[in-house]
Protein backbone atom coordinates (compact mmCIF):
# COMPACT_ATOMS: atom_id res chain seq x y z
CA MET A 1 0.00 0.00 0.00
CA SER A 2 1.35 3.44 -0.93
CA GLU A 3 2.25 5.98 1.75
CA THR A 4 -0.44 8.33 0.43
CA LYS A 5 -3.11 5.62 0.86
CA ASN A 6 -2.02 5.14 4.47
CA GLU A 7 -2.23 8.88 5.11
CA ILE A 8 -5.72 8.97 3.56
CA LYS A 9 -6.92 6.08 5.74
CA ASN A 10 -5.59 7.66 8.94
CA LEU A 11 -7.08 11.05 8.09
CA ILE A 12 -10.48 9.53 7.29
CA LYS A 13 -10.50 7.88 10.74
CA LYS A 14 -9.88 11.27 12.36
CA ILE A 15 -12.65 12.89 10.29
CA ASN A 16 -15.12 10.12 11.16
CA SER A 17 -14.35 10.54 14.86
CA LEU A 18 -15.28 14.24 14.60
CA GLN A 19 -18.47 13.84 12.54
CA ILE A 20 -20.65 14.17 15.66
CA VAL A 21 -18.78 17.36 16.60
CA GLU A 22 -19.50 18.85 13.17
CA LYS A 23 -23.23 18.06 13.49
CA GLU A 24 -23.46 19.44 17.01
CA TYR A 25 -21.51 22.60 16.15
CA SER A 26 -23.69 23.27 13.09
CA SER A 27 -26.84 22.76 15.19
CA ILE A 28 -25.61 25.20 17.86
CA GLU A 29 -24.71 27.85 15.27
CA SER A 30 -28.12 27.48 13.64
CA LYS A 31 -29.89 27.95 17.00
CA LYS A 32 -27.68 30.95 17.77
CA LYS A 33 -28.56 32.65 14.50
CA LYS A 34 -32.29 32.12 15.12
CA LEU A 35 -32.10 33.51 18.67
CA GLU A 36 -29.96 36.47 17.57
CA ASN A 37 -32.60 37.40 14.99
CA GLU A 38 -35.29 37.19 17.67
CA LEU A 39 -33.13 39.31 20.00
CA SER A 40 -32.71 41.98 17.31
CA GLU A 41 -36.48 42.12 16.70
CA LEU A 42 -37.13 42.30 20.45
CA LEU A 43 -34.64 45.15 20.83
CA ASP A 44 -36.47 47.13 18.14
CA LEU A 45 -39.76 46.49 19.94
CA LEU A 46 -38.31 47.59 23.27
CA GLN A 47 -37.05 50.81 21.68
CA THR A 48 -40.50 51.51 20.25
CA LYS A 49 -42.19 50.88 23.60
CA ASN A 50 -39.63 53.07 25.39
CA ASN A 51 -40.28 55.95 22.97
CA GLU A 52 -44.04 55.64 23.52
CA ILE A 53 -43.60 55.70 27.31
CA SER A 54 -41.25 58.72 27.14
CA LYS A 55 -43.78 60.69 25.08
CA MET A 56 -46.60 59.92 27.51
CA GLU A 57 -44.47 60.78 30.54
CA LYS A 58 -43.61 64.18 29.04
CA PHE A 59 -47.26 64.90 28.30
CA SER A 60 -48.73 67.54 30.59
CA PHE A 61 -51.89 66.44 32.36
CA GLY A 62 -52.65 69.88 33.72
CA GLY A 63 -56.12 71.14 32.96
CA LEU A 64 -57.46 67.74 31.96
CA ILE A 65 -60.52 66.44 33.65
CA LYS A 66 -59.98 63.68 36.18
CA SER A 67 -61.52 60.84 34.13
CA VAL A 68 -59.22 61.56 31.18
CA PHE A 69 -56.19 61.72 33.49
CA VAL A 70 -57.09 58.37 35.02
CA ASP A 71 -57.54 56.76 31.58
CA ARG A 72 -54.16 58.02 30.31
CA LYS A 73 -52.46 56.85 33.51
CA LYS A 74 -53.90 53.37 32.96
CA VAL A 75 -52.54 53.33 29.40
CA LEU A 76 -49.12 54.45 30.64
CA ASP A 77 -49.07 51.78 33.38
CA LYS A 78 -50.02 49.14 30.83
CA LYS A 79 -47.23 50.20 28.48
CA ARG A 80 -44.72 50.10 31.36
CA GLU A 81 -45.89 46.61 32.22
CA GLU A 82 -45.50 45.51 28.58
CA TYR A 83 -42.00 47.02 28.51
CA TYR A 84 -41.09 45.12 31.67
CA ASP A 85 -42.33 41.81 30.19
CA LEU A 86 -40.37 42.41 26.99
CA SER A 87 -37.28 43.25 29.02
CA LYS A 88 -37.52 39.89 30.82
CA GLN A 89 -37.82 38.10 27.42
CA TYR A 90 -34.82 40.06 26.18
CA GLU A 91 -32.66 39.07 29.17
CA LYS A 92 -33.77 35.45 28.85
CA LEU A 93 -32.73 35.37 25.16
CA LYS A 94 -29.37 36.94 26.03
CA SER A 95 -28.79 34.20 28.60
CA GLU A 96 -29.68 31.47 26.11
CA ILE A 97 -27.33 32.94 23.51
CA ALA A 98 -24.54 33.20 26.11
CA ALA A 99 -24.99 29.50 26.96
CA LEU A 100 -24.86 28.59 23.27
CA ASN A 101 -21.72 30.71 22.84
CA TYR A 102 -20.10 28.79 25.69
CA GLU A 103 -20.94 25.44 24.03
CA SER A 104 -19.80 26.75 20.65
CA ASN A 105 -16.44 27.84 22.08
CA LEU A 106 -15.92 24.42 23.66
CA LEU A 107 -16.57 22.68 20.33
CA GLY A 108 -14.89 25.32 18.18
CA ARG A 109 -11.38 23.92 18.40
CA LYS A 110 -12.47 20.40 17.48
CA TYR A 111 -14.65 21.79 14.69
CA ASN A 112 -11.67 23.72 13.27
CA ASP A 113 -9.67 20.48 13.38
CA PHE A 114 -12.49 18.80 11.45
CA LEU A 115 -12.35 21.49 8.74
CA ARG A 116 -8.55 21.32 8.59
CA TYR A 117 -8.61 17.52 8.21
CA LYS A 118 -11.10 17.82 5.36
CA ARG A 119 -8.83 20.28 3.53
CA GLU A 120 -5.87 17.99 4.06
CA LEU A 121 -7.90 15.02 2.84
CA GLN A 122 -8.79 16.85 -0.38
CA ALA A 123 -5.10 17.57 -0.98
CA LEU A 124 -4.25 13.89 -0.37
CA PHE A 125 -7.02 12.81 -2.78
CA GLU A 126 -5.49 15.00 -5.48
CA LYS A 127 -2.04 13.58 -4.74
CA ARG A 128 -3.34 10.00 -4.90
CA GLU A 129 -5.21 10.71 -8.16
CA ALA A 130 -1.96 11.92 -9.71
CA GLU A 131 -0.30 8.67 -8.59
CA LEU A 132 -3.10 6.55 -10.07
CA MET A 133 -2.74 8.29 -13.44
CA THR A 134 0.61 6.54 -13.95
CA GLU A 135 0.41 3.62 -11.51
CA ASP A 136 0.72 0.16 -13.09
CA SER A 137 -1.91 -1.55 -10.97
CA MET A 138 -5.53 -2.70 -11.18
CA GLU A 139 -6.53 0.39 -9.18
CA GLY A 140 -4.68 2.65 -11.60
CA LEU A 141 -6.30 1.01 -14.63
CA THR A 142 -9.77 1.18 -13.03
CA PHE A 143 -9.27 4.85 -12.12
CA ARG A 144 -8.17 5.82 -15.63
CA ASN A 145 -11.09 3.92 -17.21
CA MET A 146 -13.49 5.78 -14.94
CA LEU A 147 -11.98 9.12 -15.96
CA ASP A 148 -12.39 8.19 -19.63
CA ASP A 149 -16.02 7.17 -19.05
CA ILE A 150 -16.79 10.45 -17.24
CA LYS A 151 -15.10 12.43 -20.01
CA ASP A 152 -17.14 10.63 -22.71
CA MET A 153 -20.37 11.20 -20.78
CA LYS A 154 -19.67 14.90 -20.41
CA LYS A 155 -18.98 15.15 -24.14
CA GLU A 156 -22.33 13.48 -24.83
CA GLN A 157 -24.03 15.90 -22.43
CA ALA A 158 -22.48 18.82 -24.30
CA LYS A 159 -23.71 17.42 -27.64
CA ILE A 160 -27.22 17.00 -26.25
CA LEU A 161 -27.25 20.59 -24.98
CA VAL A 162 -26.29 21.78 -28.48
CA SER A 163 -29.20 19.75 -29.91
CA ILE A 164 -31.63 21.26 -27.39
CA SER A 165 -30.40 24.74 -28.28
CA ILE A 166 -31.07 24.07 -31.99
CA ILE A 167 -34.56 22.77 -31.14
CA ASP A 168 -35.37 25.99 -29.28
CA LYS A 169 -34.30 28.04 -32.31
CA LEU A 170 -36.33 25.78 -34.57
CA TYR A 171 -39.43 26.44 -32.47
CA SER A 172 -39.10 30.14 -33.28
CA LYS A 173 -38.55 29.58 -37.00
CA LEU A 174 -41.52 27.24 -37.32
CA THR A 175 -43.72 29.74 -35.48
CA LEU A 176 -42.65 32.48 -37.90
CA LEU A 177 -43.22 30.18 -40.90
CA SER A 178 -46.71 29.30 -39.71
CA ALA A 179 -47.53 33.00 -39.11
CA ALA A 180 -46.29 33.98 -42.61
CA LEU A 181 -48.48 31.28 -44.22
CA ARG A 182 -51.49 32.48 -42.21
CA GLU A 183 -50.76 35.99 -43.47
CA VAL A 184 -50.82 34.73 -47.07
CA GLU A 185 -54.09 32.97 -46.35
CA GLY A 186 -55.55 36.17 -44.91
CA TYR A 187 -55.21 37.98 -48.23
CA GLY A 188 -57.77 35.55 -49.69
CA ASN A 189 -60.44 37.65 -47.97
CA TRP A 190 -59.79 40.62 -50.26
CA LYS A 191 -62.40 40.66 -53.00
CA THR A 192 -62.17 44.12 -54.50
CA ARG A 193 -60.10 44.21 -57.72
CA LYS A 194 -59.48 47.89 -57.26
CA ARG A 195 -57.15 47.11 -54.34
CA MET A 196 -55.60 43.93 -55.77
CA ARG A 197 -52.31 45.57 -56.75
CA ARG A 198 -51.55 46.61 -53.17
CA VAL A 199 -52.83 43.26 -51.83
CA ASP A 200 -50.57 41.36 -54.25
CA SER A 201 -47.60 43.36 -53.01
CA TYR A 202 -48.31 42.46 -49.37
CA LYS A 203 -49.04 38.88 -50.34
CA ASN A 204 -45.70 38.57 -52.15
CA ILE A 205 -43.85 39.93 -49.11
CA ALA A 206 -45.57 37.33 -46.91
CA ILE A 207 -44.74 34.56 -49.41
CA ASN A 208 -41.10 35.65 -49.56
CA ASN A 209 -40.97 35.64 -45.76
CA ALA A 210 -42.47 32.14 -45.68
CA LYS A 211 -39.92 30.95 -48.26
CA GLN A 212 -37.07 32.32 -46.18
CA TYR A 213 -38.40 30.78 -42.94
CA LEU A 214 -38.93 27.42 -44.68
CA LEU A 215 -35.36 27.46 -46.01
CA GLU A 216 -33.93 28.40 -42.60
CA SER A 217 -36.07 25.76 -40.86
CA ASN A 218 -34.85 23.01 -43.21
CA LEU A 219 -31.25 24.09 -42.69
CA MET A 220 -31.77 23.94 -38.92
CA ILE A 221 -33.35 20.47 -39.18
CA LYS A 222 -30.26 19.25 -41.06
CA LYS A 223 -28.04 20.86 -38.42
CA LEU A 224 -30.09 19.17 -35.68
CA GLU A 225 -29.82 15.79 -37.37
CA GLN A 226 -26.05 16.23 -37.58
CA SER A 227 -25.85 17.12 -33.89
CA LEU A 228 -27.79 13.96 -32.98
CA ILE A 229 -25.32 11.61 -34.66
CA GLY A 230 -23.92 9.28 -32.02
CA ILE A 231 -26.68 10.03 -29.50
CA LYS A 232 -28.91 7.01 -28.92
CA ILE A 233 -32.51 8.19 -29.08
CA ASN A 234 -35.82 7.12 -30.58
CA SER A 235 -36.27 8.44 -34.10
CA VAL A 236 -38.96 11.07 -34.77
CA ASN A 237 -40.26 12.48 -38.03
CA LEU A 238 -38.84 15.96 -38.64
CA TYR A 239 -39.69 16.14 -42.35
CA LEU A 240 -40.97 19.51 -43.57
CA LYS A 241 -42.81 18.93 -46.84
CA PRO A 242 -41.94 21.26 -49.74
CA ILE A 243 -44.48 24.05 -50.26
CA GLU A 244 -45.42 25.04 -53.83
CA PHE A 245 -45.21 28.79 -53.38
CA GLN A 246 -45.52 29.29 -57.14
CA GLY A 247 -49.11 28.15 -56.85
CA PHE A 248 -49.83 31.02 -54.48
CA LEU A 249 -48.68 33.70 -56.92
CA ASN A 250 -50.94 35.59 -59.30
CA VAL A 251 -54.08 33.99 -57.84
CA ILE A 252 -57.24 36.03 -58.29
CA PHE A 253 -58.77 35.86 -54.81
CA ASP A 254 -62.26 36.79 -55.95
CA ASN A 255 -62.65 33.25 -57.29
CA PHE A 256 -64.31 31.14 -54.60
CA ILE A 257 -62.80 27.84 -55.89
CA THR A 258 -59.22 29.13 -56.10
CA ASP A 259 -59.59 30.60 -52.63
CA ILE A 260 -60.60 27.20 -51.21
CA ILE A 261 -57.73 25.43 -53.00
CA LEU A 262 -55.23 27.96 -51.69
CA ARG A 263 -56.54 27.65 -48.14
CA LYS A 264 -56.25 23.85 -48.32
CA LYS A 265 -52.63 24.05 -49.45
CA ILE A 266 -51.79 26.45 -46.64
CA ASN A 267 -53.65 24.43 -43.99
CA ASP A 268 -51.90 21.23 -45.12
CA ALA A 269 -48.54 22.99 -44.83
CA ILE A 270 -49.40 24.32 -41.37
CA ASP A 271 -50.56 20.85 -40.22
CA ASN A 272 -47.16 19.51 -41.31
CA ILE A 273 -45.40 22.29 -39.40
CA GLU A 274 -47.41 21.49 -36.26
CA ASP A 275 -46.52 17.78 -36.58
CA VAL A 276 -42.83 18.68 -36.75
CA TYR A 277 -43.28 21.04 -33.78
CA ARG A 278 -44.88 18.26 -31.70
CA ASN A 279 -42.15 15.80 -32.68
CA LEU A 280 -39.51 18.35 -31.68
CA THR A 281 -41.14 18.56 -28.23
CA ILE A 282 -41.05 14.76 -27.90
CA LEU A 283 -37.40 14.79 -28.94
CA LYS A 284 -36.52 17.62 -26.54
CA ASN A 285 -38.12 15.80 -23.59
CA GLU A 286 -36.22 12.62 -24.46
CA LEU A 287 -32.95 14.56 -24.65
CA ARG A 288 -33.62 16.17 -21.27
CA ASP A 289 -34.28 12.74 -19.74
CA LYS A 290 -31.05 11.52 -21.27
CA ILE A 291 -29.09 14.40 -19.73
CA GLU A 292 -30.53 13.56 -16.29
CA SER A 293 -29.67 9.89 -16.77
CA ILE A 294 -26.09 10.75 -17.75
CA GLU A 295 -25.82 13.11 -14.78
CA ASP A 296 -26.85 10.30 -12.42
CA LYS A 297 -24.27 7.95 -13.97
CA ILE A 298 -21.53 10.59 -13.63
CA LYS A 299 -22.40 11.07 -9.93
CA GLN A 300 -22.19 7.32 -9.35
CA LEU A 301 -18.84 7.14 -11.13
CA GLU A 302 -17.52 10.07 -9.09
CA ILE A 303 -18.43 8.18 -5.90
CA LEU A 304 -16.75 5.00 -7.16
CA LYS A 305 -13.72 7.04 -8.24
CA LYS A 306 -13.38 8.46 -4.72
CA GLU A 307 -13.65 4.94 -3.31
CA VAL A 308 -10.78 3.78 -5.52
CA VAL A 309 -8.68 6.80 -4.51
CA SER A 310 -9.40 6.26 -0.79
CA ASP A 311 -9.21 2.45 -1.04
CA HIS A 312 -12.92 2.18 0.01
CA GLY A 313 -12.42 4.26 3.12
CA LEU A 314 -14.56 7.32 2.43
CA PRO A 315 -15.74 9.40 5.41
CA SER A 316 -19.05 8.07 6.70
């Protein structure tokens, strides 16, 4: 057994022996903080009560009728009584905090030892890991294989995050494409020839926008498919059907039949877009689940890695 492994084992024993100290010290500090907050609130309340009493004591009762004087004196006596009760609570809290401070000071030295041992243990872990990187032993081989596995998993995680980022951008493009097609469809409501020239201009702009969004969406789908290479997932249909934009041009919208045909083409295209959108959501959820699964595996490997480094003697 290497000298570093022996040092790790001995240090872990010391840390385990002080675990109860760490828990007790943390509990005391937590109670102290709670009581100190209560003490601060109580001090503010005492100050408020004291100010109220001072104002009433300075108030001149001369000239007031007897019944009013008696009533104000009762109020003043009541406030003094409340102040006295609050003062007793304040002193009680101070005593409790003082007792906790005494306990905290007794445990403080051991707690500081606990923290120092943990820092030393981390340094020894790093030293032992460096040894295992070149050590010709089963432990060394196991350690290096674990590092390779963790590295591969993190690379896969990074790839998945890229894919999710592309999906989010695709959502926006598909929404814009659908909106542009709806805009083209909306110009089918214009029936007056007199305004057709201006309508055709707007319609052509909407069609050009839809063309651009369709092109960009298809490019993003290809980019997404490339990013998914090597990631094991269930296949989903991300096919955006071509749209015959030429058929939308130079259509006279005052023809009821052509209007219906155009609407059907647009609605079919939008249905296809919505199918792709839904499939993207399925894919995104699967990728998120995969990231969580990989994260769990990495955590397990990190624990096993620490066990190899410490020779199965991790702090309890």
